Amino acid sequence: MQSSIIIADDHPLILKGLNDFLLEKKYNVLASAVNGKDALELIETHKPEIAILDIQMPYYTGLEIAEKCKALNYQTKIVLITFEKDEAIYKQAKSLGVYGYVLKEFALAEIEHCIETVSKDIPYFSQELLSSLEVEEAPKEFETLTPTEIEVLKHISENKTAKEIGDLMFISFRTVEKHKSNIHKKLNITPTKYSLLFWAKENKNHLM
């Protein structure tokens, strides 16, 4: 069963291109909008599983819509598409629980993978974006990790679940969870649902 989707972008050509592409790929696109006000109304009316939103739109930006959906406790997963490679915007998107962030120049190449990942309840942030934000030096706490913990993080960066990591490393699910708990403590990361995933993606070059 395909996820239900609404899309919104104030650039008609981009909106049409994305809409046509998703329909051609047989995605369940319910409706589209050219501004943030209409996009929010579509989310309220249709309660889609995924909303693909341009960040900069009249009335409400994609981030403002994400903020409103979070406040209203809507279950719709927000995916932002943008030309912005701005760290402040990325951090704001992350704090609002945005599920996806795709750069427009790679949108058609990445959007299918993004929808597939988000549909599995895993956030997707464009690797091109993460690479542009990458910190050159690993945080000093990184040196406290054991080789096994680094391997766990590497698998997390590849969207592997705790069960899949256990199978790959021939250890139990509980042992994986214990490693994750230790990593949270050593890296001083607040343990939330996706905190390790984001850390692993942002520091992927140090896990190789």
Protein backbone atom coordinates (compact mmCIF):
# COMPACT_ATOMS: atom_id res chain seq x y z
CA MET A 1 0.00 0.00 0.00
CA GLN A 2 1.53 3.32 -1.12
CA SER A 3 1.70 6.18 1.38
CA SER A 4 -0.76 9.02 0.76
CA ILE A 5 1.05 12.22 -0.23
CA ILE A 6 0.34 15.93 -0.71
CA ILE A 7 2.88 18.27 -2.30
CA ALA A 8 3.29 22.04 -2.18
CA ASP A 9 5.65 24.41 -4.00
CA ASP A 10 5.18 27.99 -5.19
CA HIS A 11 7.24 27.35 -8.35
CA PRO A 12 4.69 25.96 -10.88
CA LEU A 13 7.31 24.12 -12.95
CA ILE A 14 8.87 22.40 -9.94
CA LEU A 15 5.41 21.50 -8.59
CA LYS A 16 4.28 20.10 -11.94
CA GLY A 17 7.55 18.21 -12.44
CA LEU A 18 7.38 16.61 -9.00
CA ASN A 19 3.65 15.87 -9.27
CA ASP A 20 4.02 14.25 -12.72
CA PHE A 21 7.07 12.26 -11.60
CA LEU A 22 5.32 10.85 -8.51
CA LEU A 23 2.15 10.00 -10.45
CA GLU A 24 4.22 8.30 -13.16
CA LYS A 25 5.85 6.22 -10.42
CA LYS A 26 2.34 5.29 -9.19
CA TYR A 27 2.53 7.16 -5.89
CA ASN A 28 -0.73 8.04 -4.18
CA VAL A 29 -0.66 11.85 -4.62
CA LEU A 30 -3.89 13.23 -3.16
CA ALA A 31 -3.52 16.93 -3.97
CA SER A 32 -1.08 19.79 -4.49
CA ALA A 33 -0.83 23.43 -3.43
CA VAL A 34 1.08 26.55 -4.48
CA ASN A 35 1.32 28.22 -1.07
CA GLY A 36 1.69 27.37 2.62
CA LYS A 37 -1.88 28.31 3.59
CA ASP A 38 -3.40 25.87 1.06
CA ALA A 39 -0.81 23.23 1.98
CA LEU A 40 -1.80 23.38 5.66
CA GLU A 41 -5.50 23.13 4.70
CA LEU A 42 -4.73 20.05 2.57
CA ILE A 43 -2.94 18.43 5.53
CA GLU A 44 -5.89 19.22 7.81
CA THR A 45 -8.43 17.90 5.26
CA HIS A 46 -6.67 14.81 3.94
CA LYS A 47 -4.41 13.83 6.89
CA PRO A 48 -1.84 12.45 4.40
CA GLU A 49 0.93 10.17 5.62
CA ILE A 50 3.55 12.39 3.93
CA ALA A 51 3.58 16.11 3.00
CA ILE A 52 6.36 17.21 0.63
CA LEU A 53 6.75 20.96 1.11
CA ASP A 54 8.91 23.70 -0.33
CA ILE A 55 10.61 25.61 2.49
CA GLN A 56 10.02 29.10 1.07
CA MET A 57 6.33 29.66 0.22
CA PRO A 58 3.85 32.54 0.59
CA TYR A 59 1.74 32.68 3.79
CA TYR A 60 3.50 29.83 5.61
CA THR A 61 6.95 28.40 5.01
CA GLY A 62 7.50 24.65 5.09
CA LEU A 63 9.11 25.06 8.52
CA GLU A 64 6.12 27.03 9.86
CA ILE A 65 3.79 24.28 8.62
CA ALA A 66 6.02 21.67 10.33
CA GLU A 67 5.80 23.72 13.55
CA LYS A 68 1.99 23.94 13.35
CA CYS A 69 1.66 20.20 12.62
CA LYS A 70 3.88 19.40 15.59
CA ALA A 71 1.83 21.68 17.88
CA LEU A 72 -1.41 20.09 16.65
CA ASN A 73 0.09 16.61 17.01
CA TYR A 74 -0.67 15.71 13.39
CA GLN A 75 0.80 12.37 12.30
CA THR A 76 1.69 13.60 8.79
CA LYS A 77 5.43 13.22 8.16
CA ILE A 78 6.89 16.44 6.76
CA VAL A 79 9.49 16.29 3.98
CA LEU A 80 11.10 19.60 2.99
CA ILE A 81 12.50 20.29 -0.47
CA THR A 82 14.78 23.28 -0.87
CA PHE A 83 17.87 24.79 -2.45
CA GLU A 84 19.05 25.84 1.03
CA LYS A 85 22.13 24.16 2.50
CA ASP A 86 21.81 26.23 5.65
CA GLU A 87 22.88 24.68 8.94
CA ALA A 88 20.45 26.81 10.99
CA ILE A 89 17.51 25.71 8.82
CA TYR A 90 18.66 22.09 9.03
CA LYS A 91 18.87 22.27 12.83
CA GLN A 92 15.44 23.91 13.02
CA ALA A 93 13.97 21.21 10.77
CA LYS A 94 15.49 18.53 12.97
CA SER A 95 14.15 20.13 16.17
CA LEU A 96 10.64 20.27 14.66
CA GLY A 97 10.69 16.54 13.94
CA VAL A 98 10.79 16.98 10.17
CA TYR A 99 11.18 13.55 8.57
CA GLY A 100 12.94 14.47 5.36
CA TYR A 101 15.11 17.17 3.82
CA VAL A 102 15.83 16.90 0.09
CA LEU A 103 17.81 19.38 -1.99
CA LYS A 104 15.90 20.48 -5.10
CA GLU A 105 18.77 19.89 -7.50
CA PHE A 106 18.67 16.21 -6.50
CA ALA A 107 14.91 15.98 -5.86
CA LEU A 108 13.98 13.61 -8.69
CA ALA A 109 17.00 11.40 -7.97
CA GLU A 110 16.34 11.24 -4.23
CA ILE A 111 12.61 11.63 -3.66
CA GLU A 112 11.73 7.96 -4.21
CA HIS A 113 14.38 6.80 -1.74
CA CYS A 114 13.26 9.52 0.66
CA ILE A 115 9.57 8.46 0.50
CA GLU A 116 10.52 4.80 0.88
CA THR A 117 12.69 5.57 3.95
CA VAL A 118 10.15 7.92 5.56
CA SER A 119 7.37 5.36 4.97
CA LYS A 120 9.39 2.97 7.16
CA ASP A 121 9.36 5.62 9.92
CA ILE A 122 13.04 6.50 9.39
CA PRO A 123 14.06 10.14 8.73
CA TYR A 124 15.83 10.88 5.43
CA PHE A 125 18.19 13.83 5.05
CA SER A 126 19.97 14.39 1.73
CA GLN A 127 23.55 13.12 1.94
CA GLU A 128 24.62 16.12 -0.16
CA LEU A 129 23.23 18.41 2.56
CA LEU A 130 24.89 16.44 5.38
CA SER A 131 28.21 16.46 3.48
CA SER A 132 28.05 20.25 3.14
CA LEU A 133 27.49 20.58 6.90
CA GLU A 134 30.02 17.94 7.90
CA VAL A 135 32.39 18.80 10.69
CA GLU A 136 35.98 18.27 9.65
CA GLU A 137 37.08 17.04 13.06
CA ALA A 138 35.34 14.34 15.05
CA PRO A 139 34.22 15.48 18.50
CA LYS A 140 36.81 14.54 21.15
CA GLU A 141 34.28 12.17 22.79
CA PHE A 142 34.48 10.06 19.61
CA GLU A 143 37.86 8.73 20.79
CA THR A 144 36.19 7.11 23.81
CA LEU A 145 34.13 4.76 21.60
CA THR A 146 35.18 1.13 21.23
CA PRO A 147 35.57 -0.44 17.74
CA THR A 148 32.31 -2.35 18.38
CA GLU A 149 30.45 0.87 19.23
CA ILE A 150 31.82 2.51 16.08
CA GLU A 151 30.60 -0.47 14.05
CA VAL A 152 27.13 -0.12 15.62
CA LEU A 153 27.11 3.58 14.66
CA LYS A 154 28.18 2.76 11.11
CA HIS A 155 25.21 0.38 10.75
CA ILE A 156 22.89 3.01 12.27
CA SER A 157 24.10 5.52 9.64
CA GLU A 158 22.95 3.01 7.00
CA ASN A 159 19.40 3.02 8.47
CA LYS A 160 19.76 -0.45 10.00
CA THR A 161 17.43 -1.38 12.86
CA ALA A 162 18.71 -2.79 16.15
CA LYS A 163 17.54 -6.26 15.09
CA GLU A 164 19.34 -5.99 11.72
CA ILE A 165 22.52 -4.76 13.46
CA GLY A 166 22.33 -7.71 15.87
CA ASP A 167 22.00 -10.15 12.96
CA LEU A 168 24.94 -8.56 11.09
CA MET A 169 27.20 -8.50 14.14
CA PHE A 170 26.06 -11.86 15.58
CA ILE A 171 24.96 -10.26 18.85
CA SER A 172 21.57 -10.07 20.53
CA PHE A 173 19.08 -7.21 20.18
CA ARG A 174 19.62 -6.43 23.88
CA THR A 175 23.39 -6.18 23.39
CA VAL A 176 22.84 -3.71 20.52
CA GLU A 177 20.55 -1.63 22.74
CA LYS A 178 23.21 -1.70 25.49
CA HIS A 179 25.85 -0.47 23.01
CA LYS A 180 23.48 2.31 21.92
CA SER A 181 22.93 3.34 25.53
CA ASN A 182 26.71 3.46 26.10
CA ILE A 183 27.21 5.52 22.93
CA HIS A 184 24.56 8.03 24.06
CA LYS A 185 26.41 8.46 27.36
CA LYS A 186 29.91 8.67 25.87
CA LEU A 187 28.92 11.18 23.17
CA ASN A 188 26.71 13.11 25.61
CA ILE A 189 23.69 12.82 23.28
CA THR A 190 20.19 13.16 24.70
CA PRO A 191 18.58 9.76 23.96
CA THR A 192 15.64 10.46 21.66
CA LYS A 193 14.19 8.22 18.96
CA TYR A 194 16.53 9.42 16.19
CA SER A 195 19.38 11.15 18.03
CA LEU A 196 21.96 8.47 17.17
CA LEU A 197 20.77 8.25 13.57
CA PHE A 198 21.28 12.00 13.07
CA TRP A 199 24.68 11.94 14.82
CA ALA A 200 25.81 8.96 12.72
CA LYS A 201 24.67 10.58 9.46
CA GLU A 202 26.28 13.93 10.32
CA ASN A 203 29.59 12.24 11.25
CA LYS A 204 29.51 9.49 8.66
CA ASN A 205 32.96 10.35 7.29
CA HIS A 206 34.49 9.55 10.72
CA LEU A 207 32.90 6.09 10.79
CA MET A 208 34.58 4.78 7.65
